[in-house]
Amino acid sequence: MHIQDLIIQNLDGLIKAKSQKAELQIDDLIAIGAHVGAGVLRGRYQVVKEVKEEEIAGVFGIIGNFYAESFGDAFRQDAFIALRSMAMELLQQPTFDSDLNEFVSDIIKREA
């Protein structure tokens, strides 16, 4: 599976799961995109022990294109900047791996 397909699959799945629980807000889209982007970058770092600036730009380019196609003008540039900033902050957390798992689990778990 290509990285673009993986990113889109994760974004699509999490957005659909979140929207089934409540109406999506821009903050939800920012958080989902930030976590997916940070997760991909973390995975890349774990494999090769470095992530190049063009790889970072590529990941966020894929996310930005997906959001532009899916939400049009509803997801503006300022939201994208917040998404990217949040992703980079998430990566600085020593608990990122467990935080990411918890974030995804909270979205995909079914209500009892």
C-alpha atoms as a PDB file:
ATOM      1  CA  MET A   1       0.000   0.000   0.000  1.00  0.00           C
ATOM      2  CA  HIS A   2       1.326   3.440  -0.916  1.00  0.00           C
ATOM      3  CA  ILE A   3       1.676   6.064   1.807  1.00  0.00           C
ATOM      4  CA  GLN A   4      -0.970   8.249   0.151  1.00  0.00           C
ATOM      5  CA  ASP A   5      -3.478   5.390   0.228  1.00  0.00           C
ATOM      6  CA  LEU A   6      -2.673   4.678   3.879  1.00  0.00           C
ATOM      7  CA  ILE A   7      -3.130   8.313   4.884  1.00  0.00           C
ATOM      8  CA  ILE A   8      -6.410   8.641   2.992  1.00  0.00           C
ATOM      9  CA  GLN A   9      -7.720   5.361   4.393  1.00  0.00           C
ATOM     10  CA  ASN A  10      -6.934   6.465   7.950  1.00  0.00           C
ATOM     11  CA  LEU A  11      -8.380   9.948   7.500  1.00  0.00           C
ATOM     12  CA  ASP A  12     -11.529   8.604   5.858  1.00  0.00           C
ATOM     13  CA  GLY A  13     -12.085   5.908   8.473  1.00  0.00           C
ATOM     14  CA  LEU A  14     -11.576   8.194  11.456  1.00  0.00           C
ATOM     15  CA  ILE A  15     -13.678  11.004  10.005  1.00  0.00           C
ATOM     16  CA  LYS A  16     -16.539   8.618   9.233  1.00  0.00           C
ATOM     17  CA  ALA A  17     -16.363   7.050  12.691  1.00  0.00           C
ATOM     18  CA  LYS A  18     -16.286  10.460  14.387  1.00  0.00           C
ATOM     19  CA  SER A  19     -19.186  11.769  12.290  1.00  0.00           C
ATOM     20  CA  GLN A  20     -21.336   8.817  13.343  1.00  0.00           C
ATOM     21  CA  LYS A  21     -21.065   9.941  16.963  1.00  0.00           C
ATOM     22  CA  ALA A  22     -21.556  13.682  16.532  1.00  0.00           C
ATOM     23  CA  GLU A  23     -21.564  16.434  13.952  1.00  0.00           C
ATOM     24  CA  LEU A  24     -18.016  17.094  12.794  1.00  0.00           C
ATOM     25  CA  GLN A  25     -16.428  20.348  13.839  1.00  0.00           C
ATOM     26  CA  ILE A  26     -13.311  21.964  12.389  1.00  0.00           C
ATOM     27  CA  ASP A  27     -11.484  21.114  15.632  1.00  0.00           C
ATOM     28  CA  ASP A  28     -12.293  17.429  15.056  1.00  0.00           C
ATOM     29  CA  LEU A  29     -10.830  17.595  11.547  1.00  0.00           C
ATOM     30  CA  ILE A  30      -7.732  19.366  12.829  1.00  0.00           C
ATOM     31  CA  ALA A  31      -7.181  16.762  15.556  1.00  0.00           C
ATOM     32  CA  ILE A  32      -7.764  13.808  13.231  1.00  0.00           C
ATOM     33  CA  GLY A  33      -5.468  15.184  10.547  1.00  0.00           C
ATOM     34  CA  ALA A  34      -2.794  16.062  13.098  1.00  0.00           C
ATOM     35  CA  HIS A  35      -2.848  12.610  14.660  1.00  0.00           C
ATOM     36  CA  VAL A  36      -2.797  10.814  11.309  1.00  0.00           C
ATOM     37  CA  GLY A  37       0.015  13.006  10.007  1.00  0.00           C
ATOM     38  CA  ALA A  38       2.060  12.668  13.188  1.00  0.00           C
ATOM     39  CA  GLY A  39       1.477   8.916  13.233  1.00  0.00           C
ATOM     40  CA  VAL A  40       2.775   8.530   9.689  1.00  0.00           C
ATOM     41  CA  LEU A  41       5.836  10.647  10.421  1.00  0.00           C
ATOM     42  CA  ARG A  42       6.494   8.698  13.615  1.00  0.00           C
ATOM     43  CA  GLY A  43       6.270   5.428  11.704  1.00  0.00           C
ATOM     44  CA  ARG A  44       8.714   6.729   9.121  1.00  0.00           C
ATOM     45  CA  TYR A  45      11.136   7.815  11.829  1.00  0.00           C
ATOM     46  CA  GLN A  46      10.964   4.421  13.533  1.00  0.00           C
ATOM     47  CA  VAL A  47      11.946   2.719  10.268  1.00  0.00           C
ATOM     48  CA  VAL A  48      14.764   4.945   9.002  1.00  0.00           C
ATOM     49  CA  LYS A  49      15.639   7.067  12.083  1.00  0.00           C
ATOM     50  CA  GLU A  50      15.130  10.328  10.199  1.00  0.00           C
ATOM     51  CA  VAL A  51      12.398  12.222   8.421  1.00  0.00           C
ATOM     52  CA  LYS A  52      13.296  14.676   5.692  1.00  0.00           C
ATOM     53  CA  GLU A  53      11.559  18.000   5.263  1.00  0.00           C
ATOM     54  CA  GLU A  54      10.211  16.925   1.859  1.00  0.00           C
ATOM     55  CA  GLU A  55       8.650  13.842   3.490  1.00  0.00           C
ATOM     56  CA  ILE A  56       6.949  16.066   6.060  1.00  0.00           C
ATOM     57  CA  ALA A  57       5.710  18.340   3.283  1.00  0.00           C
ATOM     58  CA  GLY A  58       4.487  15.305   1.339  1.00  0.00           C
ATOM     59  CA  VAL A  59       2.476  13.924   4.258  1.00  0.00           C
ATOM     60  CA  PHE A  60       0.814  17.262   4.933  1.00  0.00           C
ATOM     61  CA  GLY A  61       0.289  17.810   1.219  1.00  0.00           C
ATOM     62  CA  ILE A  62      -1.692  14.574   1.045  1.00  0.00           C
ATOM     63  CA  ILE A  63      -3.755  15.549   4.087  1.00  0.00           C
ATOM     64  CA  GLY A  64      -4.332  19.058   2.735  1.00  0.00           C
ATOM     65  CA  ASN A  65      -5.446  17.747  -0.648  1.00  0.00           C
ATOM     66  CA  PHE A  66      -7.795  15.221   0.960  1.00  0.00           C
ATOM     67  CA  TYR A  67      -9.373  17.926   3.121  1.00  0.00           C
ATOM     68  CA  ALA A  68      -9.652  20.346   0.183  1.00  0.00           C
ATOM     69  CA  GLU A  69     -11.398  17.694  -1.921  1.00  0.00           C
ATOM     70  CA  SER A  70     -13.626  16.535   0.934  1.00  0.00           C
ATOM     71  CA  PHE A  71     -14.528  19.826   2.620  1.00  0.00           C
ATOM     72  CA  GLY A  72     -13.680  22.575   0.131  1.00  0.00           C
ATOM     73  CA  ASP A  73     -13.688  26.065   1.594  1.00  0.00           C
ATOM     74  CA  ALA A  74     -15.015  24.789   4.929  1.00  0.00           C
ATOM     75  CA  PHE A  75     -11.437  23.788   5.836  1.00  0.00           C
ATOM     76  CA  ARG A  76      -9.397  26.955   5.418  1.00  0.00           C
ATOM     77  CA  GLN A  77      -5.671  27.653   5.413  1.00  0.00           C
ATOM     78  CA  ASP A  78      -5.655  28.741   9.070  1.00  0.00           C
ATOM     79  CA  ALA A  79      -7.141  25.381  10.073  1.00  0.00           C
ATOM     80  CA  PHE A  80      -4.486  23.580   8.044  1.00  0.00           C
ATOM     81  CA  ILE A  81      -1.732  25.589   9.744  1.00  0.00           C
ATOM     82  CA  ALA A  82      -3.222  24.651  13.134  1.00  0.00           C
ATOM     83  CA  LEU A  83      -3.334  20.982  12.034  1.00  0.00           C
ATOM     84  CA  ARG A  84       0.321  20.977  11.047  1.00  0.00           C
ATOM     85  CA  SER A  85       1.383  22.769  14.233  1.00  0.00           C
ATOM     86  CA  MET A  86      -0.590  20.340  16.374  1.00  0.00           C
ATOM     87  CA  ALA A  87       0.997  17.363  14.606  1.00  0.00           C
ATOM     88  CA  MET A  88       4.494  18.672  15.231  1.00  0.00           C
ATOM     89  CA  GLU A  89       3.646  19.316  18.900  1.00  0.00           C
ATOM     90  CA  LEU A  90       2.207  15.812  19.267  1.00  0.00           C
ATOM     91  CA  LEU A  91       5.456  14.332  17.990  1.00  0.00           C
ATOM     92  CA  GLN A  92       7.348  16.081  20.788  1.00  0.00           C
ATOM     93  CA  GLN A  93       5.355  14.281  23.484  1.00  0.00           C
ATOM     94  CA  PRO A  94       7.167  11.321  25.058  1.00  0.00           C
ATOM     95  CA  THR A  95       3.792   9.562  25.361  1.00  0.00           C
ATOM     96  CA  PHE A  96       2.855  10.075  21.709  1.00  0.00           C
ATOM     97  CA  ASP A  97       2.547   6.377  20.812  1.00  0.00           C
ATOM     98  CA  SER A  98       0.113   5.621  23.627  1.00  0.00           C
ATOM     99  CA  ASP A  99      -1.677   8.951  23.127  1.00  0.00           C
ATOM    100  CA  LEU A 100      -2.210   8.108  19.450  1.00  0.00           C
ATOM    101  CA  ASN A 101      -3.607   4.684  20.291  1.00  0.00           C
ATOM    102  CA  GLU A 102      -5.974   6.220  22.836  1.00  0.00           C
ATOM    103  CA  PHE A 103      -7.095   8.927  20.399  1.00  0.00           C
ATOM    104  CA  VAL A 104      -7.924   6.386  17.698  1.00  0.00           C
ATOM    105  CA  SER A 105      -9.600   3.990  20.158  1.00  0.00           C
ATOM    106  CA  ASP A 106     -11.813   6.761  21.509  1.00  0.00           C
ATOM    107  CA  ILE A 107     -13.041   7.536  18.000  1.00  0.00           C
ATOM    108  CA  ILE A 108     -13.592   4.017  16.719  1.00  0.00           C
ATOM    109  CA  LYS A 109     -15.100   2.399  19.811  1.00  0.00           C
ATOM    110  CA  ARG A 110     -18.809   1.840  19.612  1.00  0.00           C
ATOM    111  CA  GLU A 111     -21.112   3.391  22.130  1.00  0.00           C
ATOM    112  CA  ALA A 112     -22.511   0.822  24.529  1.00  0.00           C
END
